[in-house]
Amino acid sequence: MKRRYTPYTLPPWLKKFRGVCQQFIVPFIVFQGLRTLIFPTFFDMLLLITFIFLAMSLYFEWI
């Protein structure tokens, strides 16, 4: 049977890493969004979508 994921059982170093990621993901999204508006390449759009998915997963505690 699969154990249910809870962020409270994570080691302290991983909790700190998640907190740092949560702080830095929004500025990365803003910068990448502006860059995508100026230079719309496939890689920029893919990176922006990846950042948005990462931010959503951190916000909703999927990871």
PDB file of N, CA and C in Angstrom:
ATOM      1  N   MET A   1       0.839  -1.176   0.000  1.00  0.00           N
ATOM      2  CA  MET A   1       0.000   0.000   0.000  1.00  0.00           C
ATOM      3  C   MET A   1       0.890   1.247   0.000  1.00  0.00           C
ATOM      4  N   LYS A   2       0.559   2.199  -0.829  1.00  0.00           N
ATOM      5  CA  LYS A   2       1.365   3.408  -0.961  1.00  0.00           C
ATOM      6  C   LYS A   2       1.103   4.361   0.206  1.00  0.00           C
ATOM      7  N   ARG A   3       2.211   4.886   0.751  1.00  0.00           N
ATOM      8  CA  ARG A   3       2.063   5.850   1.833  1.00  0.00           C
ATOM      9  C   ARG A   3       1.624   7.194   1.270  1.00  0.00           C
ATOM     10  N   ARG A   4       0.849   7.890   2.032  1.00  0.00           N
ATOM     11  CA  ARG A   4       0.371   9.201   1.617  1.00  0.00           C
ATOM     12  C   ARG A   4       1.473  10.239   1.818  1.00  0.00           C
ATOM     13  N   TYR A   5       1.596  11.163   0.865  1.00  0.00           N
ATOM     14  CA  TYR A   5       2.635  12.199   0.936  1.00  0.00           C
ATOM     15  C   TYR A   5       2.215  13.302   1.890  1.00  0.00           C
ATOM     16  N   THR A   6       3.076  13.639   2.814  1.00  0.00           N
ATOM     17  CA  THR A   6       2.885  14.804   3.674  1.00  0.00           C
ATOM     18  C   THR A   6       4.195  15.573   3.735  1.00  0.00           C
ATOM     19  N   PRO A   7       4.156  16.870   3.522  1.00  0.00           N
ATOM     20  CA  PRO A   7       5.408  17.646   3.553  1.00  0.00           C
ATOM     21  C   PRO A   7       5.971  17.790   4.965  1.00  0.00           C
ATOM     22  N   TYR A   8       5.214  17.426   5.985  1.00  0.00           N
ATOM     23  CA  TYR A   8       5.672  17.598   7.367  1.00  0.00           C
ATOM     24  C   TYR A   8       6.643  16.498   7.789  1.00  0.00           C
ATOM     25  N   THR A   9       6.686  15.400   7.042  1.00  0.00           N
ATOM     26  CA  THR A   9       7.597  14.308   7.395  1.00  0.00           C
ATOM     27  C   THR A   9       8.917  14.394   6.632  1.00  0.00           C
ATOM     28  N   LEU A  10       9.137  15.460   5.909  1.00  0.00           N
ATOM     29  CA  LEU A  10      10.369  15.618   5.142  1.00  0.00           C
ATOM     30  C   LEU A  10      11.527  15.976   6.071  1.00  0.00           C
ATOM     31  N   PRO A  11      12.752  15.640   5.660  1.00  0.00           N
ATOM     32  CA  PRO A  11      13.913  16.058   6.457  1.00  0.00           C
ATOM     33  C   PRO A  11      14.042  17.586   6.462  1.00  0.00           C
ATOM     34  N   PRO A  12      14.685  18.133   7.482  1.00  0.00           N
ATOM     35  CA  PRO A  12      14.791  19.596   7.587  1.00  0.00           C
ATOM     36  C   PRO A  12      15.478  20.248   6.388  1.00  0.00           C
ATOM     37  N   TRP A  13      16.507  19.629   5.822  1.00  0.00           N
ATOM     38  CA  TRP A  13      17.204  20.237   4.696  1.00  0.00           C
ATOM     39  C   TRP A  13      16.308  20.297   3.464  1.00  0.00           C
ATOM     40  N   LEU A  14      15.411  19.329   3.308  1.00  0.00           N
ATOM     41  CA  LEU A  14      14.509  19.341   2.165  1.00  0.00           C
ATOM     42  C   LEU A  14      13.399  20.376   2.345  1.00  0.00           C
ATOM     43  N   LYS A  15      12.963  20.582   3.586  1.00  0.00           N
ATOM     44  CA  LYS A  15      11.984  21.632   3.856  1.00  0.00           C
ATOM     45  C   LYS A  15      12.576  23.005   3.534  1.00  0.00           C
ATOM     46  N   LYS A  16      13.835  23.201   3.911  1.00  0.00           N
ATOM     47  CA  LYS A  16      14.499  24.477   3.635  1.00  0.00           C
ATOM     48  C   LYS A  16      14.662  24.686   2.135  1.00  0.00           C
ATOM     49  N   PHE A  17      15.005  23.624   1.411  1.00  0.00           N
ATOM     50  CA  PHE A  17      15.152  23.709  -0.042  1.00  0.00           C
ATOM     51  C   PHE A  17      13.829  24.053  -0.711  1.00  0.00           C
ATOM     52  N   ARG A  18      12.732  23.466  -0.250  1.00  0.00           N
ATOM     53  CA  ARG A  18      11.409  23.806  -0.791  1.00  0.00           C
ATOM     54  C   ARG A  18      11.072  25.271  -0.529  1.00  0.00           C
ATOM     55  N   GLY A  19      11.414  25.757   0.665  1.00  0.00           N
ATOM     56  CA  GLY A  19      11.156  27.158   0.993  1.00  0.00           C
ATOM     57  C   GLY A  19      11.935  28.102   0.105  1.00  0.00           C
ATOM     58  N   VAL A  20      13.181  27.768  -0.175  1.00  0.00           N
ATOM     59  CA  VAL A  20      14.002  28.596  -1.059  1.00  0.00           C
ATOM     60  C   VAL A  20      13.422  28.580  -2.469  1.00  0.00           C
ATOM     61  N   CYS A  21      13.004  27.420  -2.931  1.00  0.00           N
ATOM     62  CA  CYS A  21      12.393  27.324  -4.266  1.00  0.00           C
ATOM     63  C   CYS A  21      11.119  28.152  -4.347  1.00  0.00           C
ATOM     64  N   GLN A  22      10.317  28.131  -3.291  1.00  0.00           N
ATOM     65  CA  GLN A  22       9.086  28.913  -3.283  1.00  0.00           C
ATOM     66  C   GLN A  22       9.369  30.409  -3.344  1.00  0.00           C
ATOM     67  N   GLN A  23      10.470  30.848  -2.752  1.00  0.00           N
ATOM     68  CA  GLN A  23      10.801  32.267  -2.778  1.00  0.00           C
ATOM     69  C   GLN A  23      11.312  32.711  -4.139  1.00  0.00           C
ATOM     70  N   PHE A  24      12.051  31.865  -4.823  1.00  0.00           N
ATOM     71  CA  PHE A  24      12.689  32.262  -6.066  1.00  0.00           C
ATOM     72  C   PHE A  24      11.876  31.958  -7.324  1.00  0.00           C
ATOM     73  N   ILE A  25      10.828  31.157  -7.236  1.00  0.00           N
ATOM     74  CA  ILE A  25      10.125  30.748  -8.449  1.00  0.00           C
ATOM     75  C   ILE A  25       9.321  31.904  -9.055  1.00  0.00           C
ATOM     76  N   VAL A  26       8.749  32.772  -8.253  1.00  0.00           N
ATOM     77  CA  VAL A  26       7.951  33.885  -8.797  1.00  0.00           C
ATOM     78  C   VAL A  26       8.813  34.881  -9.572  1.00  0.00           C
ATOM     79  N   PRO A  27       9.979  35.323  -9.063  1.00  0.00           N
ATOM     80  CA  PRO A  27      10.819  36.191  -9.890  1.00  0.00           C
ATOM     81  C   PRO A  27      11.293  35.519 -11.173  1.00  0.00           C
ATOM     82  N   PHE A  28      11.560  34.202 -11.120  1.00  0.00           N
ATOM     83  CA  PHE A  28      11.942  33.485 -12.339  1.00  0.00           C
ATOM     84  C   PHE A  28      10.804  33.490 -13.355  1.00  0.00           C
ATOM     85  N   ILE A  29       9.573  33.327 -12.883  1.00  0.00           N
ATOM     86  CA  ILE A  29       8.415  33.323 -13.793  1.00  0.00           C
ATOM     87  C   ILE A  29       8.237  34.697 -14.425  1.00  0.00           C
ATOM     88  N   VAL A  30       8.378  35.753 -13.634  1.00  0.00           N
ATOM     89  CA  VAL A  30       8.228  37.106 -14.169  1.00  0.00           C
ATOM     90  C   VAL A  30       9.311  37.393 -15.206  1.00  0.00           C
ATOM     91  N   PHE A  31      10.551  37.062 -14.879  1.00  0.00           N
ATOM     92  CA  PHE A  31      11.645  37.288 -15.823  1.00  0.00           C
ATOM     93  C   PHE A  31      11.445  36.472 -17.099  1.00  0.00           C
ATOM     94  N   GLN A  32      11.076  35.204 -16.946  1.00  0.00           N
ATOM     95  CA  GLN A  32      10.904  34.356 -18.118  1.00  0.00           C
ATOM     96  C   GLN A  32       9.694  34.793 -18.943  1.00  0.00           C
ATOM     97  N   GLY A  33       8.650  35.292 -18.284  1.00  0.00           N
ATOM     98  CA  GLY A  33       7.491  35.811 -19.015  1.00  0.00           C
ATOM     99  C   GLY A  33       7.850  37.025 -19.852  1.00  0.00           C
ATOM    100  N   LEU A  34       8.637  37.938 -19.281  1.00  0.00           N
ATOM    101  CA  LEU A  34       9.080  39.106 -20.046  1.00  0.00           C
ATOM    102  C   LEU A  34       9.995  38.700 -21.185  1.00  0.00           C
ATOM    103  N   ARG A  35      10.874  37.764 -20.920  1.00  0.00           N
ATOM    104  CA  ARG A  35      11.778  37.284 -21.973  1.00  0.00           C
ATOM    105  C   ARG A  35      11.002  36.599 -23.101  1.00  0.00           C
ATOM    106  N   THR A  36       9.956  35.857 -22.740  1.00  0.00           N
ATOM    107  CA  THR A  36       9.132  35.182 -23.743  1.00  0.00           C
ATOM    108  C   THR A  36       8.371  36.198 -24.590  1.00  0.00           C
ATOM    109  N   LEU A  37       7.951  37.316 -23.983  1.00  0.00           N
ATOM    110  CA  LEU A  37       7.274  38.352 -24.765  1.00  0.00           C
ATOM    111  C   LEU A  37       8.218  39.029 -25.754  1.00  0.00           C
ATOM    112  N   ILE A  38       9.483  39.185 -25.349  1.00  0.00           N
ATOM    113  CA  ILE A  38      10.452  39.864 -26.210  1.00  0.00           C
ATOM    114  C   ILE A  38      11.015  38.924 -27.265  1.00  0.00           C
ATOM    115  N   PHE A  39      11.453  37.731 -26.840  1.00  0.00           N
ATOM    116  CA  PHE A  39      12.051  36.741 -27.748  1.00  0.00           C
ATOM    117  C   PHE A  39      11.269  35.437 -27.666  1.00  0.00           C
ATOM    118  N   PRO A  40      10.161  35.342 -28.352  1.00  0.00           N
ATOM    119  CA  PRO A  40       9.319  34.138 -28.212  1.00  0.00           C
ATOM    120  C   PRO A  40       9.880  32.940 -28.987  1.00  0.00           C
ATOM    121  N   THR A  41      10.722  32.164 -28.323  1.00  0.00           N
ATOM    122  CA  THR A  41      11.222  30.941 -28.921  1.00  0.00           C
ATOM    123  C   THR A  41      10.546  29.747 -28.240  1.00  0.00           C
ATOM    124  N   PHE A  42      10.687  28.590 -28.839  1.00  0.00           N
ATOM    125  CA  PHE A  42      10.087  27.383 -28.280  1.00  0.00           C
ATOM    126  C   PHE A  42      10.676  27.067 -26.912  1.00  0.00           C
ATOM    127  N   PHE A  43      11.995  27.218 -26.767  1.00  0.00           N
ATOM    128  CA  PHE A  43      12.642  26.929 -25.490  1.00  0.00           C
ATOM    129  C   PHE A  43      12.147  27.862 -24.384  1.00  0.00           C
ATOM    130  N   ASP A  44      11.969  29.150 -24.693  1.00  0.00           N
ATOM    131  CA  ASP A  44      11.472  30.100 -23.697  1.00  0.00           C
ATOM    132  C   ASP A  44      10.062  29.742 -23.241  1.00  0.00           C
ATOM    133  N   MET A  45       9.227  29.358 -24.178  1.00  0.00           N
ATOM    134  CA  MET A  45       7.853  28.988 -23.818  1.00  0.00           C
ATOM    135  C   MET A  45       7.838  27.704 -22.990  1.00  0.00           C
ATOM    136  N   LEU A  46       8.684  26.749 -23.359  1.00  0.00           N
ATOM    137  CA  LEU A  46       8.767  25.502 -22.611  1.00  0.00           C
ATOM    138  C   LEU A  46       9.276  25.749 -21.191  1.00  0.00           C
ATOM    139  N   LEU A  47      10.266  26.602 -21.046  1.00  0.00           N
ATOM    140  CA  LEU A  47      10.791  26.937 -19.730  1.00  0.00           C
ATOM    141  C   LEU A  47       9.757  27.672 -18.882  1.00  0.00           C
ATOM    142  N   LEU A  48       8.999  28.573 -19.490  1.00  0.00           N
ATOM    143  CA  LEU A  48       7.956  29.293 -18.762  1.00  0.00           C
ATOM    144  C   LEU A  48       6.868  28.332 -18.286  1.00  0.00           C
ATOM    145  N   ILE A  49       6.459  27.416 -19.129  1.00  0.00           N
ATOM    146  CA  ILE A  49       5.449  26.435 -18.724  1.00  0.00           C
ATOM    147  C   ILE A  49       5.974  25.555 -17.600  1.00  0.00           C
ATOM    148  N   THR A  50       7.248  25.189 -17.673  1.00  0.00           N
ATOM    149  CA  THR A  50       7.852  24.380 -16.616  1.00  0.00           C
ATOM    150  C   THR A  50       7.882  25.139 -15.294  1.00  0.00           C
ATOM    151  N   PHE A  51       8.256  26.408 -15.345  1.00  0.00           N
ATOM    152  CA  PHE A  51       8.277  27.218 -14.125  1.00  0.00           C
ATOM    153  C   PHE A  51       6.879  27.373 -13.532  1.00  0.00           C
ATOM    154  N   ILE A  52       5.882  27.579 -14.383  1.00  0.00           N
ATOM    155  CA  ILE A  52       4.508  27.724 -13.890  1.00  0.00           C
ATOM    156  C   ILE A  52       4.040  26.430 -13.244  1.00  0.00           C
ATOM    157  N   PHE A  53       4.336  25.291 -13.879  1.00  0.00           N
ATOM    158  CA  PHE A  53       3.953  24.011 -13.288  1.00  0.00           C
ATOM    159  C   PHE A  53       4.665  23.789 -11.956  1.00  0.00           C
ATOM    160  N   LEU A  54       5.945  24.149 -11.872  1.00  0.00           N
ATOM    161  CA  LEU A  54       6.682  24.002 -10.628  1.00  0.00           C
ATOM    162  C   LEU A  54       6.096  24.889  -9.532  1.00  0.00           C
ATOM    163  N   ALA A  55       5.720  26.110  -9.870  1.00  0.00           N
ATOM    164  CA  ALA A  55       5.126  27.014  -8.882  1.00  0.00           C
ATOM    165  C   ALA A  55       3.784  26.479  -8.388  1.00  0.00           C
ATOM    166  N   MET A  56       2.983  25.961  -9.307  1.00  0.00           N
ATOM    167  CA  MET A  56       1.691  25.396  -8.901  1.00  0.00           C
ATOM    168  C   MET A  56       1.887  24.175  -8.005  1.00  0.00           C
ATOM    169  N   SER A  57       2.855  23.341  -8.355  1.00  0.00           N
ATOM    170  CA  SER A  57       3.074  22.141  -7.552  1.00  0.00           C
ATOM    171  C   SER A  57       3.617  22.485  -6.160  1.00  0.00           C
ATOM    172  N   LEU A  58       4.420  23.526  -6.045  1.00  0.00           N
ATOM    173  CA  LEU A  58       4.884  23.956  -4.729  1.00  0.00           C
ATOM    174  C   LEU A  58       3.764  24.604  -3.925  1.00  0.00           C
ATOM    175  N   TYR A  59       2.902  25.386  -4.605  1.00  0.00           N
ATOM    176  CA  TYR A  59       1.798  26.061  -3.918  1.00  0.00           C
ATOM    177  C   TYR A  59       0.769  25.064  -3.402  1.00  0.00           C
ATOM    178  N   PHE A  60       0.412  24.092  -4.234  1.00  0.00           N
ATOM    179  CA  PHE A  60      -0.589  23.095  -3.842  1.00  0.00           C
ATOM    180  C   PHE A  60       0.006  21.898  -3.112  1.00  0.00           C
ATOM    181  N   GLU A  61       1.334  21.947  -2.845  1.00  0.00           N
ATOM    182  CA  GLU A  61       2.066  20.917  -2.120  1.00  0.00           C
ATOM    183  C   GLU A  61       1.926  19.548  -2.774  1.00  0.00           C
ATOM    184  N   TRP A  62       2.047  19.532  -4.110  1.00  0.00           N
ATOM    185  CA  TRP A  62       2.065  18.259  -4.833  1.00  0.00           C
ATOM    186  C   TRP A  62       3.433  17.616  -4.705  1.00  0.00           C
ATOM    187  N   ILE A  63       4.489  18.438  -4.556  1.00  0.00           N
ATOM    188  CA  ILE A  63       5.837  17.898  -4.342  1.00  0.00           C
ATOM    189  C   ILE A  63       6.424  18.508  -3.097  1.00  0.00           C
TER     190      ILE A  63
END
